[in-house]
Every structure is written in structure tokens, then in C-alpha cells.
Protein backbone atom coordinates (compact mmCIF):
# COMPACT_ATOMS: atom_id res chain seq x y z
CA MET A 1 259.24 109.47 -29.92
CA LYS A 2 255.50 110.79 -29.22
CA LYS A 3 255.28 110.38 -33.21
CA LEU A 4 256.55 106.69 -32.94
CA LYS A 5 254.15 106.32 -29.98
CA GLU A 6 251.01 107.78 -32.05
CA ARG A 7 252.27 105.80 -35.12
CA TRP A 8 252.29 102.73 -33.53
CA ASN A 9 249.42 103.23 -30.82
CA ILE A 10 251.96 102.72 -28.12
CA HIS A 11 250.73 104.99 -24.91
CA SER A 12 253.17 103.76 -22.60
CA ASN A 13 257.15 104.46 -22.64
CA TRP A 14 257.16 101.02 -21.02
CA ARG A 15 255.30 99.67 -23.61
CA LEU A 16 257.82 101.35 -26.05
CA THR A 17 260.99 100.16 -24.70
CA VAL A 18 259.85 96.77 -24.89
CA VAL A 19 259.46 96.96 -28.92
CA PHE A 20 262.43 98.46 -29.32
CA VAL A 21 264.41 95.51 -27.35
CA VAL A 22 262.55 93.05 -29.16
CA PHE A 23 263.69 94.74 -32.70
CA ALA A 24 267.11 94.90 -31.06
CA ILE A 25 267.34 91.23 -29.99
CA THR A 26 265.51 89.98 -33.21
CA GLY A 27 268.01 91.83 -35.54
CA SER A 28 271.14 90.49 -33.46
CA THR A 29 269.90 86.99 -33.37
CA ALA A 30 268.85 87.07 -37.10
CA ALA A 31 272.76 88.09 -38.14
CA LYS A 32 274.03 85.54 -35.78
CA PHE A 33 271.91 82.53 -37.43
CA ALA A 34 272.56 83.76 -41.01
CA GLY A 35 276.65 82.85 -40.67
CA PRO A 36 276.30 79.10 -39.75
CA ILE A 37 273.48 78.68 -42.40
CA THR A 38 275.48 80.03 -45.03
CA GLU A 39 278.22 78.00 -44.01
CA LEU A 40 276.03 74.89 -43.98
CA LEU A 41 275.50 75.74 -47.35
CA GLY A 42 278.76 76.11 -48.79
CA ILE A 43 278.55 79.96 -49.18
CA THR A 44 281.79 81.07 -47.53
CA THR A 45 283.59 84.67 -47.45
CA SER A 46 286.20 82.87 -49.41
CA LEU A 47 283.49 83.43 -52.18
CA ASP A 48 283.37 86.90 -53.61
CA TRP A 49 281.86 89.13 -51.92
CA TYR A 50 279.47 90.21 -54.33
CA PHE A 51 277.97 86.84 -54.19
CA TYR A 52 278.57 86.37 -50.33
CA TRP A 53 276.29 89.25 -48.95
CA PRO A 54 273.70 89.08 -50.99
CA ALA A 55 273.12 85.65 -50.40
CA ARG A 56 273.42 86.26 -46.94
CA ILE A 57 271.19 89.07 -46.56
CA LEU A 58 268.67 86.69 -48.46
CA PHE A 59 268.96 84.29 -45.73
CA ILE A 60 268.86 86.79 -42.98
CA PHE A 61 265.32 87.87 -44.46
CA PRO A 62 263.08 85.19 -43.15
CA ILE A 63 264.93 84.16 -40.17
CA TYR A 64 264.28 87.67 -39.09
CA GLN A 65 260.56 87.57 -39.85
CA VAL A 66 260.26 84.64 -37.60
CA LEU A 67 261.97 85.37 -35.13
CA LEU A 68 260.63 88.82 -35.03
CA VAL A 69 256.95 87.49 -33.96
CA PHE A 70 258.84 84.74 -31.75
CA PHE A 71 260.27 87.15 -29.64
CA GLY A 72 257.20 89.67 -29.31
CA TRP A 73 255.36 87.01 -28.31
CA LEU A 74 258.26 86.06 -25.95
CA PHE A 75 258.11 89.42 -24.54
CA GLY A 76 254.21 89.79 -24.53
CA GLU A 77 253.75 91.55 -27.82
CA PHE A 78 252.59 89.22 -29.97
CA ASN A 79 249.88 91.23 -31.74
CA PHE A 80 251.97 94.61 -31.59
CA PHE A 81 254.45 92.13 -33.49
CA TRP A 82 251.82 90.34 -35.48
CA SER A 83 250.30 93.60 -37.07
CA PHE A 84 253.56 94.86 -37.69
CA GLU A 85 254.76 91.92 -39.65
CA LYS A 86 251.47 91.61 -41.59
CA LYS A 87 252.12 95.36 -42.59
CA MET A 88 255.55 95.05 -43.60
CA LEU A 89 255.29 91.91 -46.03
CA ARG A 90 251.92 93.80 -47.46
CA SER A 91 254.24 96.57 -48.23
CA MET A 92 256.54 94.63 -49.69
CA LYS A 93 254.11 92.92 -52.12
CA LEU A 94 254.39 89.66 -49.70
CA GLY A 95 250.87 89.49 -48.75
CA PHE A 96 250.47 86.39 -50.61
CA LEU A 97 252.64 84.81 -48.12
CA LEU A 98 249.99 85.67 -44.95
CA ASN A 99 247.40 83.22 -46.75
CA ASN A 100 244.94 85.69 -45.78
């Protein structure tokens, strides 16, 4: 945990716990939202798995990005998650989405 706290510039265990909770809630919520969205678009489990799962994962990705910043804001960690989001998008060569 010490290395993670240093890497993220977090000094308290409480703040690290809040960050972990935000990651957990965001992942669960994004996965939950992806199901109804794929069904709405007609992408269901009746399709072959090699079409259904990649499509579902592609829908989870943008939902996750938005929810991560939202839940970060809700838990008082907006600056941490906004910086984390920008770093992640740049590392994925999607920095152009930030319009900076």
C-alpha cells in the first residue's frame, strides 16, 4: 500500500480507502449499466459470444470514464480522479478527447 500511496500522492489511509471505494462503485455501476444499454441496442446474449462480449466491453468503457469522475466528485475526490482520468486517456492515446 505504501508504494501505491506514494505513486498516487495520497498521504492518509482514509483517503486511500475512499479512492478504492470509488473504483469499486464505478466498476460495478458501469457493468450494471452496460446490460440495459446493449439490450436496448439489440445486442443480447442470443448473439454469438465473440460479438456480444466485445460490444458490451466497448459500451462499458465510456460509461466507466464518466462515472469515475462523477463518483470521484460525489466522494470529494474530483481532482484526484480527474487527473487519473486524463493520465489514463493519454496513456491510451485518447488524449485528443480532453481537448487540451
